[in-house]
Amino acid sequence: MSESRLTFVPRSRGRSALYLVVGLVVAVTTVIQLVRGGAAVLPVIALVAALALVAVAVIGLVAPPRLR
């Protein structure tokens, strides 16, 4: 059997930190845009994508090295 790994998790902590920063910046700017202009479809999609990126980054930061 092949070894199962989380292939979507970044391999390095630096890349995980970068993903975390980018995800937070996109999430914050999207929330500001939603507050100012109402709930449009594309900002909501951007917010969901940003939160998914933050989740992947957190998994990359806390996952043991054998899973990365």
N, C-alpha and C. Protein backbone atom coordinates (compact mmCIF):
# COMPACT_ATOMS: atom_id res chain seq x y z
N MET A 1 0.84 -1.18 0.00
CA MET A 1 0.00 0.00 0.00
C MET A 1 0.88 1.24 0.00
N SER A 2 0.40 2.26 -0.63
CA SER A 2 1.17 3.50 -0.66
C SER A 2 0.93 4.29 0.63
N GLU A 3 1.88 5.11 0.92
CA GLU A 3 1.81 5.94 2.12
C GLU A 3 0.81 7.07 1.89
N SER A 4 -0.12 7.24 2.81
CA SER A 4 -1.10 8.32 2.64
C SER A 4 -0.58 9.58 3.30
N ARG A 5 -0.63 10.67 2.58
CA ARG A 5 -0.21 11.96 3.10
C ARG A 5 -1.26 13.00 2.75
N LEU A 6 -1.25 14.06 3.51
CA LEU A 6 -2.13 15.17 3.21
C LEU A 6 -1.42 16.02 2.16
N THR A 7 -1.78 15.83 0.89
CA THR A 7 -1.04 16.49 -0.18
C THR A 7 -1.39 17.97 -0.32
N PHE A 8 -2.48 18.41 0.27
CA PHE A 8 -2.85 19.82 0.16
C PHE A 8 -2.21 20.66 1.26
N VAL A 9 -1.58 20.02 2.23
CA VAL A 9 -0.93 20.74 3.32
C VAL A 9 0.47 21.15 2.89
N PRO A 10 0.85 22.41 3.08
CA PRO A 10 2.19 22.85 2.70
C PRO A 10 3.27 22.07 3.42
N ARG A 11 4.39 21.82 2.73
CA ARG A 11 5.47 21.01 3.30
C ARG A 11 6.33 21.78 4.30
N SER A 12 6.39 23.09 4.20
CA SER A 12 7.25 23.85 5.12
C SER A 12 6.42 24.77 6.01
N ARG A 13 6.99 25.08 7.16
CA ARG A 13 6.31 25.98 8.08
C ARG A 13 6.27 27.40 7.52
N GLY A 14 7.28 27.78 6.76
CA GLY A 14 7.30 29.11 6.15
C GLY A 14 6.17 29.30 5.17
N ARG A 15 5.95 28.29 4.35
CA ARG A 15 4.84 28.37 3.38
C ARG A 15 3.50 28.36 4.10
N SER A 16 3.39 27.59 5.18
CA SER A 16 2.15 27.59 5.96
C SER A 16 1.89 28.96 6.55
N ALA A 17 2.94 29.60 7.06
CA ALA A 17 2.79 30.94 7.62
C ALA A 17 2.38 31.93 6.53
N LEU A 18 2.96 31.81 5.35
CA LEU A 18 2.59 32.67 4.24
C LEU A 18 1.13 32.47 3.87
N TYR A 19 0.68 31.22 3.78
CA TYR A 19 -0.72 30.94 3.49
C TYR A 19 -1.63 31.56 4.55
N LEU A 20 -1.20 31.48 5.81
CA LEU A 20 -2.00 32.02 6.90
C LEU A 20 -2.14 33.53 6.76
N VAL A 21 -1.04 34.22 6.49
CA VAL A 21 -1.08 35.67 6.34
C VAL A 21 -1.95 36.07 5.16
N VAL A 22 -1.76 35.41 4.02
CA VAL A 22 -2.55 35.74 2.82
C VAL A 22 -4.03 35.46 3.07
N GLY A 23 -4.34 34.35 3.68
CA GLY A 23 -5.74 34.01 3.98
C GLY A 23 -6.38 35.03 4.90
N LEU A 24 -5.64 35.46 5.93
CA LEU A 24 -6.19 36.45 6.85
C LEU A 24 -6.39 37.81 6.18
N VAL A 25 -5.44 38.21 5.34
CA VAL A 25 -5.58 39.49 4.63
C VAL A 25 -6.79 39.46 3.70
N VAL A 26 -6.94 38.38 2.96
CA VAL A 26 -8.09 38.28 2.05
C VAL A 26 -9.39 38.24 2.84
N ALA A 27 -9.42 37.51 3.95
CA ALA A 27 -10.63 37.43 4.76
C ALA A 27 -11.00 38.79 5.33
N VAL A 28 -10.03 39.51 5.86
CA VAL A 28 -10.32 40.82 6.47
C VAL A 28 -10.79 41.81 5.42
N THR A 29 -10.11 41.88 4.28
CA THR A 29 -10.53 42.83 3.24
C THR A 29 -11.90 42.46 2.67
N THR A 30 -12.20 41.18 2.59
CA THR A 30 -13.51 40.76 2.10
C THR A 30 -14.60 41.12 3.10
N VAL A 31 -14.35 40.93 4.38
CA VAL A 31 -15.33 41.30 5.40
C VAL A 31 -15.59 42.80 5.35
N ILE A 32 -14.53 43.59 5.21
CA ILE A 32 -14.70 45.04 5.10
C ILE A 32 -15.55 45.38 3.88
N GLN A 33 -15.29 44.72 2.77
CA GLN A 33 -16.07 44.96 1.55
C GLN A 33 -17.53 44.57 1.74
N LEU A 34 -17.77 43.46 2.44
CA LEU A 34 -19.15 43.03 2.67
C LEU A 34 -19.89 43.99 3.59
N VAL A 35 -19.20 44.53 4.58
CA VAL A 35 -19.84 45.46 5.50
C VAL A 35 -20.20 46.76 4.79
N ARG A 36 -19.33 47.21 3.92
CA ARG A 36 -19.58 48.48 3.22
C ARG A 36 -20.60 48.35 2.09
N GLY A 37 -20.58 47.21 1.39
CA GLY A 37 -21.40 47.14 0.18
C GLY A 37 -22.49 46.09 0.16
N GLY A 38 -22.69 45.36 1.22
CA GLY A 38 -23.72 44.33 1.22
C GLY A 38 -23.17 42.98 0.78
N ALA A 39 -24.00 41.98 0.79
CA ALA A 39 -23.59 40.62 0.51
C ALA A 39 -23.75 40.29 -0.96
N ALA A 40 -22.69 40.46 -1.72
CA ALA A 40 -22.67 40.04 -3.12
C ALA A 40 -22.13 38.61 -3.18
N VAL A 41 -22.26 37.99 -4.31
CA VAL A 41 -21.87 36.58 -4.44
C VAL A 41 -20.35 36.40 -4.42
N LEU A 42 -19.62 37.18 -5.21
CA LEU A 42 -18.17 36.97 -5.30
C LEU A 42 -17.43 37.24 -4.01
N PRO A 43 -17.75 38.28 -3.25
CA PRO A 43 -17.07 38.44 -1.96
C PRO A 43 -17.35 37.29 -0.99
N VAL A 44 -18.53 36.75 -1.03
CA VAL A 44 -18.83 35.60 -0.16
C VAL A 44 -17.99 34.40 -0.56
N ILE A 45 -17.84 34.17 -1.85
CA ILE A 45 -16.99 33.08 -2.33
C ILE A 45 -15.54 33.33 -1.93
N ALA A 46 -15.09 34.57 -2.05
CA ALA A 46 -13.73 34.92 -1.66
C ALA A 46 -13.51 34.69 -0.17
N LEU A 47 -14.50 35.01 0.64
CA LEU A 47 -14.40 34.79 2.08
C LEU A 47 -14.29 33.31 2.41
N VAL A 48 -15.11 32.50 1.77
CA VAL A 48 -15.05 31.05 2.01
C VAL A 48 -13.68 30.50 1.59
N ALA A 49 -13.17 30.94 0.45
CA ALA A 49 -11.85 30.49 -0.02
C ALA A 49 -10.76 30.94 0.94
N ALA A 50 -10.85 32.15 1.46
CA ALA A 50 -9.85 32.65 2.40
C ALA A 50 -9.87 31.86 3.69
N LEU A 51 -11.04 31.53 4.18
CA LEU A 51 -11.14 30.74 5.41
C LEU A 51 -10.62 29.32 5.20
N ALA A 52 -10.85 28.77 4.00
CA ALA A 52 -10.28 27.45 3.69
C ALA A 52 -8.75 27.50 3.66
N LEU A 53 -8.21 28.58 3.11
CA LEU A 53 -6.76 28.75 3.07
C LEU A 53 -6.19 28.89 4.47
N VAL A 54 -6.87 29.60 5.34
CA VAL A 54 -6.44 29.72 6.73
C VAL A 54 -6.46 28.36 7.41
N ALA A 55 -7.50 27.58 7.16
CA ALA A 55 -7.59 26.24 7.76
C ALA A 55 -6.44 25.35 7.30
N VAL A 56 -6.12 25.38 6.01
CA VAL A 56 -5.01 24.58 5.48
C VAL A 56 -3.70 25.05 6.11
N ALA A 57 -3.54 26.35 6.28
CA ALA A 57 -2.31 26.87 6.88
C ALA A 57 -2.17 26.43 8.33
N VAL A 58 -3.26 26.46 9.07
CA VAL A 58 -3.21 26.03 10.47
C VAL A 58 -2.89 24.54 10.55
N ILE A 59 -3.48 23.74 9.68
CA ILE A 59 -3.15 22.31 9.65
C ILE A 59 -1.68 22.12 9.35
N GLY A 60 -1.14 22.90 8.41
CA GLY A 60 0.27 22.81 8.08
C GLY A 60 1.18 23.20 9.22
N LEU A 61 0.73 24.13 10.05
CA LEU A 61 1.56 24.56 11.17
C LEU A 61 1.51 23.59 12.35
N VAL A 62 0.41 22.92 12.54
CA VAL A 62 0.29 22.04 13.71
C VAL A 62 0.47 20.56 13.37
N ALA A 63 0.47 20.21 12.10
CA ALA A 63 0.61 18.79 11.72
C ALA A 63 2.03 18.31 11.99
N PRO A 64 2.17 17.09 12.44
CA PRO A 64 3.52 16.53 12.59
C PRO A 64 4.23 16.48 11.24
N PRO A 65 5.55 16.61 11.24
CA PRO A 65 6.29 16.62 9.96
C PRO A 65 6.05 15.40 9.09
N ARG A 66 5.73 14.27 9.65
CA ARG A 66 5.51 13.07 8.84
C ARG A 66 4.25 13.16 7.97
N LEU A 67 3.31 14.04 8.34
CA LEU A 67 2.09 14.21 7.55
C LEU A 67 2.25 15.27 6.47
N ARG A 68 3.31 16.09 6.56
CA ARG A 68 3.51 17.16 5.57
C ARG A 68 4.26 16.68 4.40
